[in-house]
Amino acid sequence: MEPRMQLPSFELLQAVTLWLARAKAHTRARHQALQLKTMSERELRDLGIGSSEIPALLNAAEDVRRES
């Protein structure tokens, strides 16, 4: 008799799905941070922020992601 292949448990599928979602969110956040860091002072002023505020904004966004 051949061995039967078992399906992964629901908890494992949930864990993998959560990990993939977090990885995607992290990649998106890194991309957005890079975009902010490469903007000129004028572009940042158009958004209502200064270059000195970028680190605080990125830290606040990271805190929000950790809470969710």
Protein backbone atom coordinates (compact mmCIF):
# COMPACT_ATOMS: atom_id res chain seq x y z
CA MET A 1 0.00 0.00 0.00
CA GLU A 2 1.34 3.45 -0.94
CA PRO A 3 1.64 6.11 1.77
CA ARG A 4 -1.08 8.74 1.68
CA MET A 5 -0.11 12.36 1.49
CA GLN A 6 -1.66 14.45 4.25
CA LEU A 7 -2.92 17.94 3.63
CA PRO A 8 -1.36 20.73 5.66
CA SER A 9 -3.29 21.76 8.73
CA PHE A 10 -5.48 24.84 8.74
CA GLU A 11 -3.19 26.49 11.30
CA LEU A 12 -0.17 25.98 9.06
CA LEU A 13 -1.99 27.53 6.12
CA GLN A 14 -3.00 30.48 8.29
CA ALA A 15 0.58 30.95 9.47
CA VAL A 16 1.94 30.90 5.92
CA THR A 17 -0.74 33.31 4.73
CA LEU A 18 0.02 35.70 7.60
CA TRP A 19 3.75 35.49 6.93
CA LEU A 20 3.23 36.26 3.24
CA ALA A 21 0.99 39.23 4.06
CA ARG A 22 3.57 40.63 6.49
CA ALA A 23 6.38 40.14 3.98
CA LYS A 24 4.37 41.97 1.32
CA ALA A 25 3.58 44.83 3.73
CA HIS A 26 7.25 45.10 4.70
CA THR A 27 8.31 45.27 1.05
CA ARG A 28 5.68 47.90 0.34
CA ALA A 29 6.81 49.97 3.35
CA ARG A 30 10.45 49.81 2.26
CA HIS A 31 9.47 50.95 -1.23
CA GLN A 32 7.44 53.86 0.15
CA ALA A 33 10.29 54.87 2.47
CA LEU A 34 12.69 54.89 -0.46
CA GLN A 35 10.28 57.05 -2.45
CA LEU A 36 10.07 59.59 0.39
CA LYS A 37 13.84 59.66 0.85
CA THR A 38 14.43 60.37 -2.84
CA MET A 39 11.94 63.26 -3.07
CA SER A 40 13.20 66.80 -3.35
CA GLU A 41 12.52 69.43 -0.68
CA ARG A 42 9.95 71.01 -2.98
CA GLU A 43 8.07 67.73 -3.51
CA LEU A 44 8.06 67.11 0.22
CA ARG A 45 6.77 70.65 0.90
CA ASP A 46 3.97 69.98 -1.59
CA LEU A 47 3.01 67.04 0.63
CA GLY A 48 3.23 69.26 3.71
CA ILE A 49 6.29 67.63 5.24
CA GLY A 50 9.97 68.40 5.56
CA SER A 51 12.90 66.07 5.05
CA SER A 52 13.66 66.18 8.79
CA GLU A 53 10.21 64.69 9.47
CA ILE A 54 10.72 61.57 7.33
CA PRO A 55 12.36 59.41 10.05
CA ALA A 56 9.55 60.18 12.52
CA LEU A 57 6.91 59.41 9.89
CA LEU A 58 8.55 56.11 9.03
CA ASN A 59 8.85 55.16 12.71
CA ALA A 60 5.19 55.99 13.30
CA ALA A 61 4.17 53.89 10.31
CA GLU A 62 6.27 50.99 11.63
CA ASP A 63 4.57 51.26 15.04
CA VAL A 64 1.13 51.12 13.39
CA ARG A 65 2.14 48.02 11.39
CA ARG A 66 3.37 46.28 14.55
CA GLU A 67 0.08 46.92 16.34
CA SER A 68 -1.99 45.35 13.57
